[in-house]
Amino acid sequence: MDDVIGYLVVIFVIIGFTFGLVKQLQHTVTIQKTVGFKFNRLLVGNYLKNAALFGFIISFLLNILVGLQIIHSNSITSNTTGSACTLFLFGFFIAEYLVIPKNRLKKSI
């Protein structure tokens, strides 16, 4: 019974992150249409957030598959996928708090 609850939690986490990625992609498209390419820092930050979130989801899925022993490989291990998750999250937070401007151009959008 505990395994079923654990699998459901993992499935809901993956669904939540995928939903967040879709919303982030929609936000980026809205910024492109509204602001255009005048504000490169805002667009580059959102592109970096999209790539980091996508990379995190892929490495998280790989980590789950390695943990469940579905993937048997010498190059893809739990340590490498866990490190990749950490690096992608680090990239996401760098894009969120350092690359994207603080004022977010509320008057222009």
N, C-alpha and C. Protein backbone atom coordinates (compact mmCIF):
# COMPACT_ATOMS: atom_id res chain seq x y z
N MET A 1 0.82 -1.19 0.00
CA MET A 1 0.00 0.00 0.00
C MET A 1 0.86 1.26 0.00
N ASP A 2 1.98 1.21 0.73
CA ASP A 2 2.87 2.37 0.76
C ASP A 2 3.50 2.63 -0.61
N ASP A 3 3.76 1.54 -1.36
CA ASP A 3 4.33 1.71 -2.69
C ASP A 3 3.36 2.43 -3.62
N VAL A 4 2.09 2.10 -3.52
CA VAL A 4 1.08 2.73 -4.37
C VAL A 4 0.98 4.22 -4.07
N ILE A 5 0.99 4.57 -2.80
CA ILE A 5 0.93 5.99 -2.42
C ILE A 5 2.18 6.72 -2.89
N GLY A 6 3.32 6.10 -2.78
CA GLY A 6 4.57 6.69 -3.26
C GLY A 6 4.55 6.92 -4.76
N TYR A 7 4.05 5.94 -5.52
CA TYR A 7 3.96 6.10 -6.97
C TYR A 7 2.98 7.20 -7.34
N LEU A 8 1.87 7.29 -6.61
CA LEU A 8 0.90 8.35 -6.89
C LEU A 8 1.48 9.73 -6.61
N VAL A 9 2.25 9.85 -5.55
CA VAL A 9 2.88 11.14 -5.24
C VAL A 9 3.86 11.52 -6.36
N VAL A 10 4.65 10.58 -6.81
CA VAL A 10 5.61 10.85 -7.89
C VAL A 10 4.87 11.24 -9.16
N ILE A 11 3.79 10.56 -9.48
CA ILE A 11 3.01 10.89 -10.68
C ILE A 11 2.43 12.29 -10.58
N PHE A 12 1.90 12.65 -9.40
CA PHE A 12 1.35 14.00 -9.23
C PHE A 12 2.43 15.07 -9.30
N VAL A 13 3.61 14.77 -8.80
CA VAL A 13 4.72 15.73 -8.89
C VAL A 13 5.11 15.95 -10.34
N ILE A 14 5.21 14.88 -11.11
CA ILE A 14 5.56 14.99 -12.53
C ILE A 14 4.48 15.76 -13.28
N ILE A 15 3.22 15.48 -13.00
CA ILE A 15 2.12 16.21 -13.64
C ILE A 15 2.18 17.69 -13.27
N GLY A 16 2.47 17.99 -12.02
CA GLY A 16 2.57 19.38 -11.58
C GLY A 16 3.68 20.14 -12.28
N PHE A 17 4.86 19.53 -12.39
CA PHE A 17 5.97 20.18 -13.07
C PHE A 17 5.69 20.34 -14.56
N THR A 18 5.04 19.36 -15.17
CA THR A 18 4.69 19.47 -16.58
C THR A 18 3.67 20.58 -16.80
N PHE A 19 2.71 20.70 -15.91
CA PHE A 19 1.74 21.80 -15.99
C PHE A 19 2.45 23.14 -15.85
N GLY A 20 3.41 23.22 -14.94
CA GLY A 20 4.19 24.44 -14.77
C GLY A 20 4.99 24.78 -16.01
N LEU A 21 5.53 23.76 -16.68
CA LEU A 21 6.27 23.99 -17.92
C LEU A 21 5.36 24.53 -19.01
N VAL A 22 4.17 23.98 -19.13
CA VAL A 22 3.22 24.45 -20.14
C VAL A 22 2.84 25.90 -19.86
N LYS A 23 2.57 26.23 -18.61
CA LYS A 23 2.23 27.62 -18.25
C LYS A 23 3.41 28.55 -18.51
N GLN A 24 4.62 28.09 -18.24
CA GLN A 24 5.81 28.91 -18.49
C GLN A 24 5.99 29.15 -19.99
N LEU A 25 5.75 28.13 -20.81
CA LEU A 25 5.84 28.30 -22.26
C LEU A 25 4.79 29.28 -22.76
N GLN A 26 3.58 29.20 -22.22
CA GLN A 26 2.53 30.15 -22.61
C GLN A 26 2.91 31.57 -22.20
N HIS A 27 3.51 31.72 -21.05
CA HIS A 27 3.95 33.04 -20.58
C HIS A 27 5.03 33.60 -21.50
N THR A 28 5.95 32.75 -21.93
CA THR A 28 7.01 33.19 -22.83
C THR A 28 6.45 33.63 -24.18
N VAL A 29 5.49 32.89 -24.70
CA VAL A 29 4.87 33.26 -25.97
C VAL A 29 4.12 34.59 -25.82
N THR A 30 3.46 34.78 -24.69
CA THR A 30 2.76 36.05 -24.44
C THR A 30 3.75 37.22 -24.39
N ILE A 31 4.88 37.02 -23.77
CA ILE A 31 5.90 38.07 -23.71
C ILE A 31 6.42 38.37 -25.11
N GLN A 32 6.65 37.34 -25.92
CA GLN A 32 7.13 37.56 -27.28
C GLN A 32 6.14 38.37 -28.09
N LYS A 33 4.86 38.06 -27.96
CA LYS A 33 3.85 38.76 -28.74
C LYS A 33 3.64 40.18 -28.26
N THR A 34 3.68 40.39 -26.96
CA THR A 34 3.38 41.69 -26.38
C THR A 34 4.56 42.65 -26.49
N VAL A 35 5.69 42.21 -26.00
CA VAL A 35 6.84 43.09 -25.91
C VAL A 35 7.70 43.02 -27.17
N GLY A 36 7.73 41.89 -27.81
CA GLY A 36 8.60 41.70 -28.97
C GLY A 36 10.01 41.41 -28.52
N PHE A 37 10.95 41.76 -29.35
CA PHE A 37 12.34 41.46 -29.06
C PHE A 37 13.08 42.70 -28.56
N LYS A 38 12.36 43.66 -28.00
CA LYS A 38 12.98 44.87 -27.48
C LYS A 38 13.73 44.61 -26.18
N PHE A 39 13.23 43.70 -25.37
CA PHE A 39 13.81 43.44 -24.06
C PHE A 39 14.45 42.06 -24.06
N ASN A 40 15.72 42.02 -24.48
CA ASN A 40 16.41 40.74 -24.64
C ASN A 40 16.61 40.03 -23.31
N ARG A 41 16.86 40.79 -22.24
CA ARG A 41 17.12 40.15 -20.95
C ARG A 41 15.89 39.40 -20.45
N LEU A 42 14.72 39.96 -20.65
CA LEU A 42 13.49 39.30 -20.25
C LEU A 42 13.25 38.02 -21.05
N LEU A 43 13.48 38.09 -22.36
CA LEU A 43 13.28 36.91 -23.20
C LEU A 43 14.31 35.83 -22.93
N VAL A 44 15.57 36.23 -22.79
CA VAL A 44 16.62 35.24 -22.51
C VAL A 44 16.37 34.56 -21.17
N GLY A 45 15.94 35.33 -20.18
CA GLY A 45 15.63 34.74 -18.87
C GLY A 45 14.50 33.74 -18.96
N ASN A 46 13.46 34.06 -19.73
CA ASN A 46 12.34 33.11 -19.87
C ASN A 46 12.74 31.89 -20.69
N TYR A 47 13.58 32.08 -21.71
CA TYR A 47 14.08 30.92 -22.46
C TYR A 47 14.90 30.01 -21.54
N LEU A 48 15.72 30.61 -20.69
CA LEU A 48 16.53 29.82 -19.76
C LEU A 48 15.65 29.09 -18.75
N LYS A 49 14.59 29.75 -18.29
CA LYS A 49 13.66 29.08 -17.37
C LYS A 49 12.98 27.90 -18.04
N ASN A 50 12.57 28.08 -19.31
CA ASN A 50 11.94 26.98 -20.04
C ASN A 50 12.89 25.79 -20.19
N ALA A 51 14.11 26.08 -20.60
CA ALA A 51 15.09 25.00 -20.80
C ALA A 51 15.43 24.31 -19.49
N ALA A 52 15.58 25.09 -18.42
CA ALA A 52 15.92 24.50 -17.13
C ALA A 52 14.79 23.64 -16.59
N LEU A 53 13.56 24.11 -16.74
CA LEU A 53 12.43 23.32 -16.25
C LEU A 53 12.25 22.04 -17.07
N PHE A 54 12.44 22.13 -18.39
CA PHE A 54 12.36 20.94 -19.24
C PHE A 54 13.47 19.94 -18.88
N GLY A 55 14.68 20.44 -18.69
CA GLY A 55 15.80 19.57 -18.30
C GLY A 55 15.58 18.94 -16.95
N PHE A 56 15.00 19.69 -16.02
CA PHE A 56 14.71 19.14 -14.70
C PHE A 56 13.70 18.01 -14.79
N ILE A 57 12.66 18.19 -15.59
CA ILE A 57 11.63 17.15 -15.72
C ILE A 57 12.24 15.89 -16.32
N ILE A 58 13.06 16.05 -17.36
CA ILE A 58 13.69 14.88 -18.00
C ILE A 58 14.62 14.17 -17.01
N SER A 59 15.47 14.92 -16.30
CA SER A 59 16.38 14.25 -15.37
C SER A 59 15.65 13.67 -14.17
N PHE A 60 14.55 14.29 -13.76
CA PHE A 60 13.75 13.72 -12.68
C PHE A 60 13.12 12.40 -13.12
N LEU A 61 12.60 12.37 -14.35
CA LEU A 61 12.04 11.11 -14.87
C LEU A 61 13.11 10.03 -14.97
N LEU A 62 14.30 10.41 -15.45
CA LEU A 62 15.39 9.44 -15.52
C LEU A 62 15.78 8.95 -14.12
N ASN A 63 15.78 9.84 -13.16
CA ASN A 63 16.11 9.44 -11.79
C ASN A 63 15.08 8.45 -11.25
N ILE A 64 13.80 8.69 -11.55
CA ILE A 64 12.76 7.76 -11.12
C ILE A 64 12.95 6.40 -11.81
N LEU A 65 13.22 6.42 -13.10
CA LEU A 65 13.40 5.16 -13.83
C LEU A 65 14.62 4.39 -13.34
N VAL A 66 15.70 5.09 -12.99
CA VAL A 66 16.88 4.43 -12.45
C VAL A 66 16.57 3.89 -11.06
N GLY A 67 15.84 4.66 -10.27
CA GLY A 67 15.48 4.21 -8.92
C GLY A 67 14.59 2.99 -8.92
N LEU A 68 13.73 2.89 -9.92
CA LEU A 68 12.85 1.72 -10.03
C LEU A 68 13.54 0.56 -10.76
N GLN A 69 14.78 0.76 -11.14
CA GLN A 69 15.61 -0.22 -11.85
C GLN A 69 15.01 -0.63 -13.19
N ILE A 70 14.36 0.32 -13.85
CA ILE A 70 13.87 0.08 -15.20
C ILE A 70 15.00 0.31 -16.19
N ILE A 71 15.86 1.29 -15.91
CA ILE A 71 17.03 1.56 -16.74
C ILE A 71 18.25 0.97 -16.05
N HIS A 72 18.95 0.11 -16.75
CA HIS A 72 20.19 -0.47 -16.25
C HIS A 72 21.31 0.03 -17.15
N SER A 73 22.06 1.00 -16.67
CA SER A 73 23.13 1.56 -17.47
C SER A 73 24.27 1.99 -16.55
N ASN A 74 25.49 1.94 -17.09
CA ASN A 74 26.64 2.39 -16.31
C ASN A 74 26.80 3.90 -16.37
N SER A 75 26.32 4.53 -17.43
CA SER A 75 26.50 5.98 -17.57
C SER A 75 25.37 6.77 -16.89
N ILE A 76 24.17 6.22 -16.88
CA ILE A 76 23.06 6.90 -16.22
C ILE A 76 22.86 6.25 -14.85
N THR A 77 23.32 6.97 -13.84
CA THR A 77 23.18 6.46 -12.47
C THR A 77 22.32 7.42 -11.66
N SER A 78 22.01 7.03 -10.48
CA SER A 78 21.21 7.87 -9.60
C SER A 78 21.98 9.14 -9.22
N ASN A 79 23.29 9.02 -9.08
CA ASN A 79 24.10 10.19 -8.73
C ASN A 79 24.12 11.21 -9.86
N THR A 80 24.27 10.75 -11.09
CA THR A 80 24.32 11.69 -12.22
C THR A 80 22.97 12.35 -12.47
N THR A 81 21.90 11.59 -12.36
CA THR A 81 20.59 12.20 -12.58
C THR A 81 20.21 13.14 -11.44
N GLY A 82 20.60 12.79 -10.22
CA GLY A 82 20.36 13.70 -9.10
C GLY A 82 21.15 14.99 -9.23
N SER A 83 22.39 14.87 -9.69
CA SER A 83 23.20 16.07 -9.92
C SER A 83 22.62 16.92 -11.05
N ALA A 84 22.12 16.27 -12.08
CA ALA A 84 21.50 17.00 -13.18
C ALA A 84 20.25 17.74 -12.71
N CYS A 85 19.44 17.10 -11.87
CA CYS A 85 18.26 17.78 -11.30
C CYS A 85 18.67 19.02 -10.53
N THR A 86 19.72 18.89 -9.72
CA THR A 86 20.19 20.02 -8.92
C THR A 86 20.69 21.15 -9.81
N LEU A 87 21.45 20.81 -10.85
CA LEU A 87 21.97 21.84 -11.76
C LEU A 87 20.86 22.55 -12.52
N PHE A 88 19.87 21.80 -12.96
CA PHE A 88 18.77 22.43 -13.68
C PHE A 88 17.94 23.32 -12.75
N LEU A 89 17.73 22.90 -11.52
CA LEU A 89 17.04 23.77 -10.56
C LEU A 89 17.86 25.03 -10.27
N PHE A 90 19.17 24.87 -10.17
CA PHE A 90 20.05 26.01 -9.96
C PHE A 90 19.95 26.98 -11.14
N GLY A 91 19.92 26.45 -12.37
CA GLY A 91 19.75 27.30 -13.56
C GLY A 91 18.41 28.00 -13.57
N PHE A 92 17.37 27.31 -13.13
CA PHE A 92 16.04 27.91 -13.07
C PHE A 92 16.02 29.09 -12.11
N PHE A 93 16.60 28.92 -10.93
CA PHE A 93 16.60 30.00 -9.94
C PHE A 93 17.51 31.15 -10.35
N ILE A 94 18.60 30.86 -11.05
CA ILE A 94 19.44 31.93 -11.58
C ILE A 94 18.65 32.75 -12.59
N ALA A 95 17.91 32.07 -13.47
CA ALA A 95 17.11 32.79 -14.46
C ALA A 95 16.01 33.60 -13.78
N GLU A 96 15.40 33.05 -12.76
CA GLU A 96 14.29 33.72 -12.10
C GLU A 96 14.74 34.96 -11.33
N TYR A 97 15.84 34.85 -10.59
CA TYR A 97 16.20 35.93 -9.68
C TYR A 97 17.37 36.79 -10.14
N LEU A 98 18.16 36.34 -11.12
CA LEU A 98 19.30 37.15 -11.55
C LEU A 98 19.17 37.66 -12.99
N VAL A 99 18.60 36.87 -13.88
CA VAL A 99 18.57 37.26 -15.29
C VAL A 99 17.35 38.13 -15.60
N ILE A 100 16.19 37.71 -15.17
CA ILE A 100 14.96 38.44 -15.47
C ILE A 100 14.94 39.72 -14.63
N PRO A 101 14.66 40.87 -15.25
CA PRO A 101 14.65 42.13 -14.49
C PRO A 101 13.61 42.12 -13.37
N LYS A 102 13.90 42.89 -12.33
CA LYS A 102 13.02 42.91 -11.16
C LYS A 102 11.67 43.54 -11.45
N ASN A 103 11.64 44.62 -12.23
CA ASN A 103 10.39 45.32 -12.45
C ASN A 103 9.48 44.59 -13.43
N ARG A 104 10.02 43.68 -14.21
CA ARG A 104 9.27 42.84 -15.16
C ARG A 104 8.46 43.63 -16.15
N LEU A 105 8.74 44.92 -16.27
CA LEU A 105 8.13 45.78 -17.29
C LEU A 105 6.61 45.74 -17.22
N LYS A 106 6.05 45.92 -16.06
CA LYS A 106 4.60 45.84 -15.88
C LYS A 106 3.87 46.91 -16.67
N LYS A 107 4.49 48.05 -16.86
CA LYS A 107 3.85 49.11 -17.62
C LYS A 107 3.81 48.78 -19.10
N SER A 108 4.81 48.05 -19.59
CA SER A 108 4.87 47.74 -21.02
C SER A 108 4.00 46.55 -21.39
N ILE A 109 3.84 45.61 -20.46
CA ILE A 109 3.10 44.39 -20.80
C ILE A 109 1.64 44.58 -20.64
